[in-house]
Every structure is written in C-alpha cells, then in structure tokens.
C-alpha cells in the first residue's frame, strides 16, 4: 500500500486561499474527484485528511472508495479561538464548546479528532513559530475527552515545547513536528505517538522562489537529522506530505515525501499501518 497519512483534499498544491474559496458555497465535487483520481494514478490506497471547514473531506470520504482509496477524515480541525486552525476548522472558547465540536465530528461521520497546539512556520522571518501555546492541562483534557468518545487524536504541533506537551497529553500522532529535539523524541518513544513529519512542505519549496532557500535548507536539514534520531530511539514515523500544500501536489507530493524519508533511511511501513489502525471510526 502507498499511504498518505496527512493530506488536505480541499487544496490544489498552489495556494491555500484560492483553493478553499472554491468550495465556499458548496463542495466542488469535480475538483475533489480530480484530486482523488490524481492520488489513484500515483498508487495511493490510503489517505488520512487533515480536515477543512467546508465539509470537503467529508464528501471525499463518500466517494474515495470508487478510486480504491481507504479514506479517513476528522471533518474539521478543532482549535482554541486565537490559535492556528481557522482556515481549516472550527473554534472553541471553553471545554463545553470543545465537547460540542467533538460531538459534531461524530455526528458528521468523522473518524478521529484533529486539534492544534501551535502556529505555522513563518518562512519570511527565519522559520519562527509564533503565536500562543496550549498549556499541558488543557491539551490533556482535550485528548481525554476525545479518547473518551472513542477517537484517536492527531495534533498540529511545531516547536519542541509544543511537541513535548502534546506527547505528554497523550496524542496519537504529531503532525509536522518541526524543531523536534531529543527530549521530545524521548517522550514520544515512551508514549508511542506517531510522527508524521511532512518534510516536503519545506523541501518542495526550495528553488520555488517563494522564500529564502538558505532558511528552508536549514529547517529541512534539522528536520531530517531529527528523523534519523527518531528511528534510533524507536519513535514510529509515518509518511504524510501535507498533500495540497504549496508545491505539494496531490498524489505526487506523497511520492515525494516517501522518497525523502527513504533517502534519510527512515522506514515507515509499521507506522503507516499503525495510523491506519488507530485513526478509524470508533
């Protein structure tokens, strides 16, 4: 099987805003089908979506089987108001609001919960991770609520401290994980959380002219070094490209990610299978 453990079928590999606006007044079914066809042509048989706010991934789940793809979705990303996630999901202000959004995922047929613990990398300012940080006690409560409803938890986390808190809270997978450090790897090895590193979200930008290649190269180099350490300490690493992100085309982006991981000596088979086993409807 070829696994895509982190993608966004709503996106076109060019620009977030334009792709999302395409579905603002209803799912563009032909667009979704074209993306699924592109994935199928590249041999993908599993796709775990990161969610969106226009129910596009929920629609994709209903037709993905026609393309031979086992498709999983959280429906939408759940984020605390003021945190990263507005482009792809729904915000909550307190735990009562969070519980309501978790119930919504179940009502809409979602397979797991996706939450946010950090911002994106700011490539225009050296790759910094800016924005607020989720405290451990809130993350732990969110994970416990989701697990109590029978859902695995996927978390968007960059920055070593954000990753450590996420792992300590008991998440099932850490997405992106840029600026992973040894302490974070140790905790993830202890908890069994899967790392989905989305290397090509940085690597495929090199040479595109969008950002400073020196900054991108530094970030990618550190990321790959951490992945080598992850293998040595027993952190499971799965193949996920953030398909649909800039310069990460649907289907081909997955193959690009697999090639980068293989070139670093990272073996993903067991972790890919673990994702498929964990992130399914309870």
Protein backbone atom coordinates (compact mmCIF):
# COMPACT_ATOMS: atom_id res chain seq x y z
CA UNK A 1 0.00 0.00 0.00
CA UNK A 2 1.02 3.61 -0.55
CA UNK A 3 -0.08 5.71 2.41
CA UNK A 4 -0.80 9.42 2.61
CA UNK A 5 -1.04 9.97 6.35
CA UNK A 6 -1.60 13.74 6.21
CA UNK A 7 -3.27 15.50 3.31
CA UNK A 8 -5.94 18.08 2.54
CA UNK A 9 -8.07 17.04 -0.42
CA UNK A 10 -9.55 20.56 -0.45
CA UNK A 11 -6.21 22.00 -1.62
CA UNK A 12 -4.62 22.22 -5.06
CA UNK A 13 -0.87 22.41 -4.33
CA UNK A 14 -0.77 26.07 -5.36
CA UNK A 15 -2.35 28.43 -2.84
CA UNK A 16 -4.49 27.89 0.25
CA UNK A 17 -6.87 30.81 -0.13
CA UNK A 18 -7.93 30.24 -3.71
CA UNK A 19 -8.40 26.52 -3.20
CA UNK A 20 -10.55 26.95 -0.12
CA UNK A 21 -12.63 29.73 -1.66
CA UNK A 22 -13.53 27.33 -4.48
CA UNK A 23 -15.75 25.44 -2.00
CA UNK A 24 -17.14 28.39 -0.08
CA UNK A 25 -20.67 27.98 -1.40
CA UNK A 26 -20.63 24.22 -1.69
CA UNK A 27 -18.27 21.36 -2.39
CA UNK A 28 -16.79 21.43 -5.89
CA UNK A 29 -17.31 17.73 -6.50
CA UNK A 30 -15.45 17.62 -9.81
CA UNK A 31 -12.39 19.17 -8.15
CA UNK A 32 -12.43 16.61 -5.36
CA UNK A 33 -12.81 13.77 -7.82
CA UNK A 34 -9.92 15.08 -9.89
CA UNK A 35 -7.72 15.11 -6.78
CA UNK A 36 -8.76 11.58 -5.85
CA UNK A 37 -8.03 10.46 -9.40
CA UNK A 38 -4.56 12.05 -9.18
CA UNK A 39 -3.95 10.13 -5.95
CA UNK A 40 -5.16 6.90 -7.51
CA UNK A 41 -2.88 7.33 -10.53
CA UNK A 42 0.07 7.63 -8.16
CA UNK A 43 -0.91 4.37 -6.48
CA UNK A 44 -2.30 5.72 -3.21
CA UNK A 45 -4.58 3.33 -1.37
CA UNK A 46 -4.87 5.17 1.97
CA UNK A 47 -5.47 8.87 2.65
CA UNK A 48 -5.83 10.49 6.08
CA UNK A 49 -7.15 14.00 5.62
CA UNK A 50 -6.36 16.87 7.99
CA UNK A 51 -9.87 18.31 7.66
CA UNK A 52 -11.40 21.53 6.41
CA UNK A 53 -14.23 23.90 7.27
CA UNK A 54 -16.34 23.39 4.15
CA UNK A 55 -17.12 19.65 4.55
CA UNK A 56 -14.98 18.82 1.51
CA UNK A 57 -13.15 15.92 3.16
CA UNK A 58 -16.47 14.61 4.48
CA UNK A 59 -17.72 14.47 0.88
CA UNK A 60 -14.46 12.91 -0.33
CA UNK A 61 -14.90 10.06 2.14
CA UNK A 62 -18.20 9.12 0.49
CA UNK A 63 -16.63 8.69 -2.98
CA UNK A 64 -12.99 7.76 -2.30
CA UNK A 65 -13.80 4.06 -2.48
CA UNK A 66 -14.55 4.48 -6.16
CA UNK A 67 -10.85 5.28 -6.59
CA UNK A 68 -9.62 2.39 -4.45
CA UNK A 69 -8.71 4.68 -1.54
CA UNK A 70 -9.34 3.95 2.14
CA UNK A 71 -10.13 7.49 3.26
CA UNK A 72 -10.21 8.89 6.81
CA UNK A 73 -11.18 12.37 7.96
CA UNK A 74 -11.63 14.42 11.16
CA UNK A 75 -14.15 16.50 9.16
CA UNK A 76 -12.64 19.74 10.52
CA UNK A 77 -9.70 20.81 12.66
CA UNK A 78 -10.68 21.90 16.18
CA UNK A 79 -8.75 24.85 17.57
CA UNK A 80 -9.00 27.19 20.51
CA UNK A 81 -10.03 30.64 19.37
CA UNK A 82 -6.94 32.68 18.52
CA UNK A 83 -4.86 29.60 17.66
CA UNK A 84 -3.92 28.22 14.27
CA UNK A 85 -6.72 26.36 12.53
CA UNK A 86 -9.24 28.97 11.41
CA UNK A 87 -8.57 28.27 7.73
CA UNK A 88 -9.38 24.60 8.16
CA UNK A 89 -11.75 24.31 11.06
CA UNK A 90 -13.90 25.49 13.90
CA UNK A 91 -13.01 27.33 17.08
CA UNK A 92 -14.00 26.81 20.71
CA UNK A 93 -13.76 29.13 23.70
CA UNK A 94 -14.08 26.65 26.57
CA UNK A 95 -14.24 22.93 27.17
CA UNK A 96 -18.00 22.89 26.78
CA UNK A 97 -17.50 24.30 23.28
CA UNK A 98 -14.78 21.76 22.59
CA UNK A 99 -17.05 18.90 23.65
CA UNK A 100 -19.71 20.19 21.29
CA UNK A 101 -17.26 20.20 18.37
CA UNK A 102 -16.13 16.66 19.20
CA UNK A 103 -19.79 15.61 19.17
CA UNK A 104 -20.11 17.29 15.78
CA UNK A 105 -17.28 15.20 14.37
CA UNK A 106 -19.14 12.07 15.46
CA UNK A 107 -22.42 13.39 14.05
CA UNK A 108 -20.84 14.13 10.67
CA UNK A 109 -19.21 10.71 10.43
CA UNK A 110 -15.64 11.74 11.23
CA UNK A 111 -13.03 9.11 12.01
CA UNK A 112 -10.81 10.93 14.52
CA UNK A 113 -10.14 14.29 16.15
CA UNK A 114 -7.60 16.81 14.92
CA UNK A 115 -6.52 19.65 17.22
CA UNK A 116 -3.93 22.42 17.08
CA UNK A 117 -1.14 23.15 19.56
CA UNK A 118 0.96 25.68 17.65
CA UNK A 119 1.17 28.03 14.70
CA UNK A 120 2.75 27.51 11.27
CA UNK A 121 6.40 28.18 10.47
CA UNK A 122 6.95 31.79 9.41
CA UNK A 123 9.35 31.37 6.50
CA UNK A 124 9.56 35.11 5.98
CA UNK A 125 11.06 35.51 9.44
CA UNK A 126 13.60 32.70 9.58
CA UNK A 127 11.07 29.92 10.11
CA UNK A 128 9.95 31.10 13.54
CA UNK A 129 6.96 29.50 15.26
CA UNK A 130 4.93 32.40 16.60
CA UNK A 131 1.61 32.66 18.36
CA UNK A 132 0.09 31.37 21.64
CA UNK A 133 0.85 27.98 23.14
CA UNK A 134 -1.59 25.49 24.62
CA UNK A 135 -0.93 24.62 28.29
CA UNK A 136 -0.50 20.96 29.14
CA UNK A 137 -3.58 20.72 31.35
CA UNK A 138 -5.84 21.92 28.51
CA UNK A 139 -4.25 19.62 25.96
CA UNK A 140 -4.57 16.68 28.34
CA UNK A 141 -8.25 17.40 28.93
CA UNK A 142 -8.90 17.72 25.19
CA UNK A 143 -7.19 14.41 24.47
CA UNK A 144 -9.02 12.67 27.31
CA UNK A 145 -12.37 13.92 26.03
CA UNK A 146 -11.64 12.72 22.52
CA UNK A 147 -10.37 9.34 23.69
CA UNK A 148 -13.43 9.03 25.91
CA UNK A 149 -15.60 9.37 22.80
CA UNK A 150 -13.61 6.63 21.07
CA UNK A 151 -11.50 8.89 18.85
CA UNK A 152 -7.75 8.89 18.23
CA UNK A 153 -6.14 12.35 18.24
CA UNK A 154 -3.99 13.96 15.55
CA UNK A 155 -2.27 17.21 16.59
CA UNK A 156 -0.66 20.03 14.62
CA UNK A 157 2.49 20.89 16.59
CA UNK A 158 5.72 22.72 15.78
CA UNK A 159 8.40 23.73 18.27
CA UNK A 160 9.99 21.36 20.78
CA UNK A 161 7.99 22.54 23.80
CA UNK A 162 4.68 22.31 21.93
CA UNK A 163 5.57 18.81 20.75
CA UNK A 164 6.58 17.70 24.26
CA UNK A 165 3.33 18.95 25.78
CA UNK A 166 1.35 17.26 23.00
CA UNK A 167 3.06 13.92 23.60
CA UNK A 168 2.68 14.24 27.36
CA UNK A 169 -1.02 14.90 26.84
CA UNK A 170 -1.35 11.51 25.15
CA UNK A 171 -1.95 12.36 21.48
CA UNK A 172 -1.77 9.52 18.99
CA UNK A 173 0.12 11.38 16.25
CA UNK A 174 2.17 14.56 15.96
CA UNK A 175 1.90 16.36 12.63
CA UNK A 176 4.80 18.34 11.15
CA UNK A 177 6.91 18.41 14.33
CA UNK A 178 9.45 20.94 13.10
CA UNK A 179 12.18 21.77 15.64
CA UNK A 180 11.85 18.38 17.31
CA UNK A 181 14.52 17.90 19.99
CA UNK A 182 15.91 14.91 21.90
CA UNK A 183 13.62 15.40 24.90
CA UNK A 184 10.56 15.46 22.66
CA UNK A 185 11.72 12.30 20.90
CA UNK A 186 12.22 10.56 24.24
CA UNK A 187 8.68 11.38 25.34
CA UNK A 188 7.23 10.28 22.00
CA UNK A 189 9.13 7.00 22.19
CA UNK A 190 7.67 6.43 25.65
CA UNK A 191 4.08 7.24 24.64
CA UNK A 192 4.16 5.58 21.22
CA UNK A 193 2.92 8.69 19.41
CA UNK A 194 3.49 8.50 15.65
CA UNK A 195 5.42 11.34 14.00
CA UNK A 196 4.12 12.47 10.59
CA UNK A 197 6.89 14.90 9.54
CA UNK A 198 5.59 16.38 6.24
CA UNK A 199 9.16 17.06 5.04
CA UNK A 200 8.14 18.24 1.58
CA UNK A 201 6.15 21.18 2.92
CA UNK A 202 9.63 22.69 3.30
CA UNK A 203 11.70 20.66 0.85
CA UNK A 204 9.49 21.22 -2.17
CA UNK A 205 9.64 24.98 -1.62
CA UNK A 206 13.39 25.02 -2.16
CA UNK A 207 14.07 26.55 -5.57
CA UNK A 208 10.50 27.81 -5.96
CA UNK A 209 11.49 31.42 -5.32
CA UNK A 210 8.80 31.80 -2.65
CA UNK A 211 11.19 32.04 0.30
CA UNK A 212 14.89 32.17 1.15
CA UNK A 213 16.38 28.81 0.17
CA UNK A 214 19.01 29.09 2.89
CA UNK A 215 16.30 29.29 5.54
CA UNK A 216 14.39 26.40 4.01
CA UNK A 217 17.53 24.28 3.72
CA UNK A 218 18.45 24.88 7.35
CA UNK A 219 14.99 23.87 8.54
CA UNK A 220 14.86 20.77 6.37
CA UNK A 221 18.36 19.69 7.39
CA UNK A 222 17.48 19.88 11.08
CA UNK A 223 14.23 18.03 10.43
CA UNK A 224 15.95 15.17 8.64
CA UNK A 225 18.58 14.88 11.37
CA UNK A 226 15.81 14.60 13.97
CA UNK A 227 14.14 11.89 11.87
CA UNK A 228 17.32 9.82 11.90
CA UNK A 229 17.38 10.13 15.71
CA UNK A 230 13.70 9.21 15.84
CA UNK A 231 14.44 5.91 14.15
CA UNK A 232 17.27 5.18 16.56
CA UNK A 233 15.15 5.75 19.69
CA UNK A 234 12.05 3.95 18.45
CA UNK A 235 9.69 6.78 17.51
CA UNK A 236 7.36 5.49 14.77
CA UNK A 237 7.47 7.72 11.66
CA UNK A 238 4.69 7.66 9.05
CA UNK A 239 4.54 9.04 5.52
CA UNK A 240 2.45 12.18 5.28
CA UNK A 241 3.17 15.04 2.88
CA UNK A 242 0.51 17.63 3.75
CA UNK A 243 -0.76 16.95 0.23
CA UNK A 244 -2.28 20.02 -1.37
CA UNK A 245 0.04 22.48 0.38
CA UNK A 246 2.10 24.84 -1.78
CA UNK A 247 4.34 22.85 -4.15
CA UNK A 248 2.95 19.56 -2.79
CA UNK A 249 0.59 18.24 -5.49
CA UNK A 250 -2.00 15.62 -4.66
CA UNK A 251 -0.56 12.17 -5.26
CA UNK A 252 2.88 13.24 -6.42
CA UNK A 253 3.52 15.02 -3.12
CA UNK A 254 3.05 11.71 -1.31
CA UNK A 255 5.61 10.03 -3.54
CA UNK A 256 7.98 12.96 -2.97
CA UNK A 257 7.62 12.56 0.80
CA UNK A 258 8.22 8.82 0.63
CA UNK A 259 11.38 9.44 -1.41
CA UNK A 260 12.73 11.99 1.08
CA UNK A 261 12.12 9.66 4.00
CA UNK A 262 13.70 6.73 2.19
CA UNK A 263 16.77 8.81 1.31
CA UNK A 264 17.20 9.54 5.04
CA UNK A 265 16.94 5.85 5.85
CA UNK A 266 13.55 6.22 7.53
CA UNK A 267 11.33 3.13 7.35
CA UNK A 268 7.63 3.95 7.63
CA UNK A 269 5.73 0.73 6.95
CA UNK A 270 4.79 -0.22 10.51
CA UNK A 271 3.92 3.37 11.45
CA UNK A 272 1.77 3.79 8.33
CA UNK A 273 -0.12 0.65 9.35
CA UNK A 274 -0.42 1.94 12.91
CA UNK A 275 -2.03 5.14 11.62
CA UNK A 276 -4.49 3.11 9.57
CA UNK A 277 -5.37 1.01 12.60
CA UNK A 278 -5.76 3.87 15.07
CA UNK A 279 -7.41 6.59 13.04
CA UNK A 280 -10.72 4.98 12.18
CA UNK A 281 -14.28 5.49 13.31
CA UNK A 282 -14.89 4.01 16.73
